[in-house]
C-alpha atoms as a PDB file:
ATOM      1  CA  MET A   1      72.650  10.680-135.414  1.00  0.00           C
ATOM      2  CA  SER A   2      72.381   7.486-137.453  1.00  0.00           C
ATOM      3  CA  LEU A   3      70.068   7.130-140.406  1.00  0.00           C
ATOM      4  CA  HIS A   4      68.155   4.428-138.550  1.00  0.00           C
ATOM      5  CA  ARG A   5      67.436   6.702-135.599  1.00  0.00           C
ATOM      6  CA  SER A   6      66.544   9.558-137.943  1.00  0.00           C
ATOM      7  CA  ILE A   7      63.956   7.426-139.691  1.00  0.00           C
ATOM      8  CA  ASN A   8      62.405   6.386-136.377  1.00  0.00           C
ATOM      9  CA  TRP A   9      62.055   9.974-135.196  1.00  0.00           C
ATOM     10  CA  ARG A  10      60.871  11.485-138.448  1.00  0.00           C
ATOM     11  CA  LEU A  11      58.407   8.871-139.654  1.00  0.00           C
ATOM     12  CA  LEU A  12      56.465   8.233-136.450  1.00  0.00           C
ATOM     13  CA  LEU A  13      53.993  11.107-136.644  1.00  0.00           C
ATOM     14  CA  PRO A  14      51.132  10.950-134.122  1.00  0.00           C
ATOM     15  CA  VAL A  15      47.884   9.799-135.716  1.00  0.00           C
ATOM     16  CA  GLY A  16      46.228  12.938-134.371  1.00  0.00           C
ATOM     17  CA  MET A  17      48.356  15.046-136.711  1.00  0.00           C
ATOM     18  CA  LEU A  18      47.026  13.113-139.710  1.00  0.00           C
ATOM     19  CA  VAL A  19      43.318  12.982-138.866  1.00  0.00           C
ATOM     20  CA  ILE A  20      41.112  15.108-141.114  1.00  0.00           C
ATOM     21  CA  ALA A  21      38.892  16.866-138.620  1.00  0.00           C
ATOM     22  CA  GLY A  22      36.977  19.292-140.822  1.00  0.00           C
ATOM     23  CA  CYS A  23      35.170  17.022-143.240  1.00  0.00           C
ATOM     24  CA  ALA A  24      31.724  17.442-141.796  1.00  0.00           C
ATOM     25  CA  GLY A  25      31.635  20.940-140.488  1.00  0.00           C
ATOM     26  CA  SER A  26      28.522  23.054-140.586  1.00  0.00           C
ATOM     27  CA  GLY A  27      27.286  24.689-143.752  1.00  0.00           C
ATOM     28  CA  SER A  28      26.792  23.465-147.295  1.00  0.00           C
ATOM     29  CA  LYS A  29      30.493  22.837-147.979  1.00  0.00           C
ATOM     30  CA  PRO A  30      31.744  20.946-144.924  1.00  0.00           C
ATOM     31  CA  ASP A  31      34.757  19.382-146.623  1.00  0.00           C
ATOM     32  CA  ALA A  32      36.879  21.057-149.318  1.00  0.00           C
ATOM     33  CA  ALA A  33      35.544  24.360-150.615  1.00  0.00           C
ATOM     34  CA  THR A  34      37.037  23.485-153.997  1.00  0.00           C
ATOM     35  CA  ALA A  35      35.799  19.881-154.147  1.00  0.00           C
ATOM     36  CA  ARG A  36      35.386  18.915-157.784  1.00  0.00           C
ATOM     37  CA  GLU A  37      32.864  16.754-159.539  1.00  0.00           C
ATOM     38  CA  GLN A  38      34.262  13.822-161.449  1.00  0.00           C
ATOM     39  CA  GLY A  39      35.545  15.350-164.626  1.00  0.00           C
ATOM     40  CA  GLU A  40      36.380  19.014-165.105  1.00  0.00           C
ATOM     41  CA  PRO A  41      33.987  21.628-163.634  1.00  0.00           C
ATOM     42  CA  ALA A  42      33.259  24.771-165.592  1.00  0.00           C
ATOM     43  CA  PRO A  43      35.670  27.648-164.831  1.00  0.00           C
ATOM     44  CA  GLY A  44      34.721  29.465-161.652  1.00  0.00           C
ATOM     45  CA  GLN A  45      32.240  26.805-160.582  1.00  0.00           C
ATOM     46  CA  GLU A  46      32.486  24.684-157.439  1.00  0.00           C
ATOM     47  CA  ARG A  47      30.732  21.513-156.528  1.00  0.00           C
ATOM     48  CA  VAL A  48      28.147  22.320-153.850  1.00  0.00           C
ATOM     49  CA  LEU A  49      28.031  19.538-151.302  1.00  0.00           C
ATOM     50  CA  PRO A  50      24.738  18.601-149.636  1.00  0.00           C
ATOM     51  CA  GLU A  51      24.145  19.955-146.165  1.00  0.00           C
ATOM     52  CA  ILE A  52      24.814  17.430-143.432  1.00  0.00           C
ATOM     53  CA  PRO A  53      22.129  16.976-140.763  1.00  0.00           C
ATOM     54  CA  PRO A  54      23.271  17.503-137.159  1.00  0.00           C
ATOM     55  CA  ALA A  55      23.032  13.778-136.351  1.00  0.00           C
ATOM     56  CA  ALA A  56      25.393  12.864-139.196  1.00  0.00           C
ATOM     57  CA  GLN A  57      27.754  15.669-138.277  1.00  0.00           C
ATOM     58  CA  THR A  58      27.843  14.353-134.719  1.00  0.00           C
ATOM     59  CA  LEU A  59      28.616  10.868-136.029  1.00  0.00           C
ATOM     60  CA  TYR A  60      31.547  12.228-138.008  1.00  0.00           C
ATOM     61  CA  GLU A  61      32.895  14.263-135.108  1.00  0.00           C
ATOM     62  CA  GLN A  62      32.685  11.211-132.859  1.00  0.00           C
ATOM     63  CA  ALA A  63      34.542   9.149-135.463  1.00  0.00           C
ATOM     64  CA  VAL A  64      37.305  11.737-135.608  1.00  0.00           C
ATOM     65  CA  ALA A  65      37.556  11.875-131.815  1.00  0.00           C
ATOM     66  CA  VAL A  66      37.863   8.119-131.337  1.00  0.00           C
ATOM     67  CA  MET A  67      40.262   7.887-134.280  1.00  0.00           C
ATOM     68  CA  ALA A  68      42.540  10.509-132.740  1.00  0.00           C
ATOM     69  CA  SER A  69      42.476   8.539-129.488  1.00  0.00           C
ATOM     70  CA  GLY A  70      43.686   5.438-131.309  1.00  0.00           C
ATOM     71  CA  ASP A  71      40.449   3.428-131.333  1.00  0.00           C
ATOM     72  CA  PHE A  72      40.597   2.539-135.013  1.00  0.00           C
ATOM     73  CA  VAL A  73      37.979  -0.227-134.895  1.00  0.00           C
ATOM     74  CA  ASP A  74      35.245   2.066-133.592  1.00  0.00           C
ATOM     75  CA  ALA A  75      36.386   4.949-135.810  1.00  0.00           C
ATOM     76  CA  GLU A  76      36.295   2.768-138.924  1.00  0.00           C
ATOM     77  CA  LEU A  77      32.745   1.624-138.176  1.00  0.00           C
ATOM     78  CA  ARG A  78      31.580   5.204-137.628  1.00  0.00           C
ATOM     79  CA  LEU A  79      33.277   6.493-140.779  1.00  0.00           C
ATOM     80  CA  LYS A  80      31.782   3.718-142.891  1.00  0.00           C
ATOM     81  CA  GLU A  81      28.349   4.449-141.449  1.00  0.00           C
ATOM     82  CA  PHE A  82      28.821   8.127-142.294  1.00  0.00           C
ATOM     83  CA  LEU A  83      29.957   7.354-145.853  1.00  0.00           C
ATOM     84  CA  LEU A  84      26.981   5.111-146.476  1.00  0.00           C
ATOM     85  CA  GLN A  85      24.836   8.218-146.119  1.00  0.00           C
ATOM     86  CA  TYR A  86      27.255  10.859-147.402  1.00  0.00           C
ATOM     87  CA  PRO A  87      29.834   9.287-149.740  1.00  0.00           C
ATOM     88  CA  ALA A  88      30.816  12.553-151.424  1.00  0.00           C
ATOM     89  CA  TYR A  89      33.217  13.857-148.754  1.00  0.00           C
ATOM     90  CA  PRO A  90      36.884  13.203-149.630  1.00  0.00           C
ATOM     91  CA  GLY A  91      38.134  13.787-146.092  1.00  0.00           C
ATOM     92  CA  ALA A  92      36.117  10.871-144.701  1.00  0.00           C
ATOM     93  CA  HIS A  93      37.717   8.574-147.272  1.00  0.00           C
ATOM     94  CA  VAL A  94      41.146   9.941-146.318  1.00  0.00           C
ATOM     95  CA  ASN A  95      40.525   9.163-142.663  1.00  0.00           C
ATOM     96  CA  LEU A  96      39.646   5.603-143.640  1.00  0.00           C
ATOM     97  CA  ALA A  97      42.896   5.448-145.616  1.00  0.00           C
ATOM     98  CA  ILE A  98      44.794   6.538-142.502  1.00  0.00           C
ATOM     99  CA  ILE A  99      43.134   3.783-140.460  1.00  0.00           C
ATOM    100  CA  HIS A 100      43.895   1.165-143.123  1.00  0.00           C
ATOM    101  CA  SER A 101      47.518   2.334-143.253  1.00  0.00           C
ATOM    102  CA  GLN A 102      47.807   2.062-139.475  1.00  0.00           C
ATOM    103  CA  ASN A 103      46.471  -1.497-139.815  1.00  0.00           C
ATOM    104  CA  GLU A 104      49.007  -2.177-142.610  1.00  0.00           C
ATOM    105  CA  ASN A 105      46.230  -2.875-145.110  1.00  0.00           C
ATOM    106  CA  GLU A 106      47.735  -1.064-148.076  1.00  0.00           C
ATOM    107  CA  ALA A 107      45.203  -2.302-150.635  1.00  0.00           C
ATOM    108  CA  ALA A 108      42.326  -0.892-148.606  1.00  0.00           C
ATOM    109  CA  ALA A 109      44.282   2.321-147.967  1.00  0.00           C
ATOM    110  CA  GLN A 110      44.834   2.776-151.700  1.00  0.00           C
ATOM    111  CA  ALA A 111      41.159   2.147-152.418  1.00  0.00           C
ATOM    112  CA  SER A 112      40.153   4.854-149.949  1.00  0.00           C
ATOM    113  CA  ILE A 113      42.710   7.278-151.392  1.00  0.00           C
ATOM    114  CA  ASP A 114      41.391   6.545-154.880  1.00  0.00           C
ATOM    115  CA  ALA A 115      37.841   7.269-153.680  1.00  0.00           C
ATOM    116  CA  ALA A 116      38.914  10.622-152.235  1.00  0.00           C
ATOM    117  CA  LEU A 117      40.856  11.628-155.353  1.00  0.00           C
ATOM    118  CA  ALA A 118      37.963  10.617-157.605  1.00  0.00           C
ATOM    119  CA  LEU A 119      35.876  13.200-155.768  1.00  0.00           C
ATOM    120  CA  ASP A 120      38.625  15.829-155.679  1.00  0.00           C
ATOM    121  CA  PRO A 121      41.848  15.184-157.643  1.00  0.00           C
ATOM    122  CA  SER A 122      43.563  18.093-155.853  1.00  0.00           C
ATOM    123  CA  HIS A 123      42.552  17.181-152.301  1.00  0.00           C
ATOM    124  CA  PRO A 124      45.742  17.899-150.292  1.00  0.00           C
ATOM    125  CA  PRO A 125      45.262  15.342-147.483  1.00  0.00           C
ATOM    126  CA  ALA A 126      44.464  12.605-150.030  1.00  0.00           C
ATOM    127  CA  LEU A 127      47.572  13.499-152.039  1.00  0.00           C
ATOM    128  CA  ASN A 128      49.616  13.522-148.842  1.00  0.00           C
ATOM    129  CA  GLN A 129      48.378  10.040-147.933  1.00  0.00           C
ATOM    130  CA  GLN A 130      49.118   8.880-151.479  1.00  0.00           C
ATOM    131  CA  GLY A 131      52.661  10.175-151.085  1.00  0.00           C
ATOM    132  CA  MET A 132      53.075   8.372-147.772  1.00  0.00           C
ATOM    133  CA  LEU A 133      51.891   5.118-149.337  1.00  0.00           C
ATOM    134  CA  PHE A 134      54.308   5.546-152.247  1.00  0.00           C
ATOM    135  CA  ARG A 135      57.158   6.275-149.835  1.00  0.00           C
ATOM    136  CA  ARG A 136      56.460   3.202-147.726  1.00  0.00           C
ATOM    137  CA  ASN A 137      56.622   1.101-150.897  1.00  0.00           C
ATOM    138  CA  GLY A 138      59.937   2.646-151.965  1.00  0.00           C
ATOM    139  CA  ASN A 139      58.455   4.686-154.828  1.00  0.00           C
ATOM    140  CA  PHE A 140      60.235   7.905-153.890  1.00  0.00           C
ATOM    141  CA  VAL A 141      59.811   9.799-157.167  1.00  0.00           C
ATOM    142  CA  GLU A 142      56.074   9.140-157.141  1.00  0.00           C
ATOM    143  CA  ALA A 143      55.907  10.095-153.463  1.00  0.00           C
ATOM    144  CA  GLU A 144      57.582  13.422-154.166  1.00  0.00           C
ATOM    145  CA  ALA A 145      55.169  14.118-157.027  1.00  0.00           C
ATOM    146  CA  ALA A 146      52.157  13.457-154.787  1.00  0.00           C
ATOM    147  CA  TYR A 147      53.472  15.677-151.979  1.00  0.00           C
ATOM    148  CA  LEU A 148      54.284  18.455-154.450  1.00  0.00           C
ATOM    149  CA  LYS A 149      50.745  18.266-155.846  1.00  0.00           C
ATOM    150  CA  ALA A 150      49.452  18.667-152.294  1.00  0.00           C
ATOM    151  CA  VAL A 151      51.500  21.799-151.576  1.00  0.00           C
ATOM    152  CA  THR A 152      50.700  23.198-155.011  1.00  0.00           C
ATOM    153  CA  ALA A 153      46.986  22.821-154.282  1.00  0.00           C
ATOM    154  CA  SER A 154      47.423  24.165-150.740  1.00  0.00           C
ATOM    155  CA  PRO A 155      50.786  25.851-150.029  1.00  0.00           C
ATOM    156  CA  ASP A 156      49.997  26.036-146.300  1.00  0.00           C
ATOM    157  CA  TYR A 157      49.346  22.295-145.934  1.00  0.00           C
ATOM    158  CA  ALA A 158      51.988  21.670-143.294  1.00  0.00           C
ATOM    159  CA  LEU A 159      52.092  17.867-143.269  1.00  0.00           C
ATOM    160  CA  ALA A 160      53.015  17.665-146.945  1.00  0.00           C
ATOM    161  CA  HIS A 161      55.931  20.051-146.332  1.00  0.00           C
ATOM    162  CA  TYR A 162      56.984  17.879-143.386  1.00  0.00           C
ATOM    163  CA  ASN A 163      56.879  14.759-145.545  1.00  0.00           C
ATOM    164  CA  LEU A 164      58.814  16.483-148.325  1.00  0.00           C
ATOM    165  CA  GLY A 165      61.451  17.313-145.731  1.00  0.00           C
ATOM    166  CA  VAL A 166      61.653  13.683-144.622  1.00  0.00           C
ATOM    167  CA  LEU A 167      61.709  12.363-148.178  1.00  0.00           C
ATOM    168  CA  ASN A 168      64.418  14.737-149.364  1.00  0.00           C
ATOM    169  CA  GLU A 169      66.654  14.273-146.332  1.00  0.00           C
ATOM    170  CA  LEU A 170      66.455  10.539-145.747  1.00  0.00           C
ATOM    171  CA  TYR A 171      65.709   9.081-149.167  1.00  0.00           C
ATOM    172  CA  LEU A 172      66.628  11.542-151.933  1.00  0.00           C
ATOM    173  CA  GLN A 173      69.658  12.988-150.094  1.00  0.00           C
ATOM    174  CA  ARG A 174      68.768  16.558-151.052  1.00  0.00           C
ATOM    175  CA  LEU A 175      69.576  18.316-147.820  1.00  0.00           C
ATOM    176  CA  ASP A 176      68.986  21.861-149.046  1.00  0.00           C
ATOM    177  CA  VAL A 177      65.490  20.990-150.321  1.00  0.00           C
ATOM    178  CA  ALA A 178      64.708  19.126-147.089  1.00  0.00           C
ATOM    179  CA  LEU A 179      65.772  22.181-145.094  1.00  0.00           C
ATOM    180  CA  GLN A 180      63.470  24.443-147.108  1.00  0.00           C
ATOM    181  CA  HIS A 181      60.430  22.254-146.470  1.00  0.00           C
ATOM    182  CA  PHE A 182      61.138  21.767-142.766  1.00  0.00           C
ATOM    183  CA  GLU A 183      61.471  25.545-142.434  1.00  0.00           C
ATOM    184  CA  VAL A 184      58.113  26.070-144.150  1.00  0.00           C
ATOM    185  CA  TYR A 185      56.555  23.430-141.902  1.00  0.00           C
ATOM    186  CA  GLN A 186      57.944  25.158-138.820  1.00  0.00           C
ATOM    187  CA  GLN A 187      56.578  28.506-139.958  1.00  0.00           C
ATOM    188  CA  LEU A 188      53.131  27.012-140.522  1.00  0.00           C
ATOM    189  CA  VAL A 189      52.727  25.033-137.302  1.00  0.00           C
ATOM    190  CA  GLY A 190      54.656  27.257-134.928  1.00  0.00           C
ATOM    191  CA  GLU A 191      57.383  26.052-132.614  1.00  0.00           C
ATOM    192  CA  ASP A 192      58.151  22.339-132.892  1.00  0.00           C
ATOM    193  CA  LYS A 193      61.137  21.505-130.695  1.00  0.00           C
ATOM    194  CA  GLN A 194      62.060  18.305-132.524  1.00  0.00           C
ATOM    195  CA  VAL A 195      61.850  19.839-135.990  1.00  0.00           C
ATOM    196  CA  GLU A 196      63.806  22.837-134.708  1.00  0.00           C
ATOM    197  CA  LYS A 197      66.673  20.461-133.886  1.00  0.00           C
ATOM    198  CA  TRP A 198      66.493  18.882-137.332  1.00  0.00           C
ATOM    199  CA  ILE A 199      66.589  22.304-138.958  1.00  0.00           C
ATOM    200  CA  ALA A 200      69.680  23.299-136.980  1.00  0.00           C
ATOM    201  CA  ASP A 201      71.354  20.005-137.916  1.00  0.00           C
ATOM    202  CA  LEU A 202      70.460  20.411-141.588  1.00  0.00           C
ATOM    203  CA  ARG A 203      71.760  23.966-141.664  1.00  0.00           C
ATOM    204  CA  ARG A 204      75.120  22.748-140.358  1.00  0.00           C
ATOM    205  CA  ARG A 205      75.250  19.914-142.858  1.00  0.00           C
ATOM    206  CA  VAL A 206      74.243  22.111-145.808  1.00  0.00           C
ATOM    207  CA  ALA A 207      76.880  24.700-144.825  1.00  0.00           C
ATOM    208  CA  ALA A 208      79.521  21.966-144.526  1.00  0.00           C
ATOM    209  CA  THR A 209      78.610  20.625-147.958  1.00  0.00           C
ATOM    210  CA  GLN A 210      78.867  24.093-149.455  1.00  0.00           C
ATOM    211  CA  ARG A 211      82.287  24.641-147.828  1.00  0.00           C
ATOM    212  CA  THR A 212      83.502  21.333-149.230  1.00  0.00           C
ATOM    213  CA  ALA A 213      82.254  22.265-152.687  1.00  0.00           C
ATOM    214  CA  ASN A 214      84.040  25.644-152.505  1.00  0.00           C
ATOM    215  CA  VAL A 215      87.310  23.971-151.526  1.00  0.00           C
ATOM    216  CA  ALA A 216      86.982  21.497-154.368  1.00  0.00           C
ATOM    217  CA  GLU A 217      86.590  24.349-156.833  1.00  0.00           C
END
């Protein structure tokens, strides 16, 4: 498989896999349970987010649904309307960043990522989107750092492991590290036929590299 074909397969994730669906769930903490105030919270304290009325929650859920279907214009309008009333939810800003990225508006995407990270510097989806933006701009070291922050904050955040696999295989040429992250991703999401093929291919390539190194010694 050529590098060009590998990039096409690995980088074209469905938008539905990226959408942050849980930002406006019921209860007083509908986004991240560990959302932080700007600055450092006192040890053991969490920022309590205001309760969202049912009408606003419905607006958010509708925005997520139309976004997942690919209707970015309608989704963007709904998300902006939601954020006018409830700007303190990082996930809504991340969803706007995803829409801006799909529209190739990187400045707007970065602004939305910055807004999410200002609310919660360890927000895994925001860090994942930051990593994707860095990677698209060729800043691979910075992309890796952002992805690693995401999986440090949330070790079971599957998309960041997926993106670390892509980054290490295609750009950093660290096949063993790529294999580790794809394996973690597979464990977290269950059976993914395409990723299963990549894992098998990487295992063969890593084994071949190790055999070559042993012969050289």
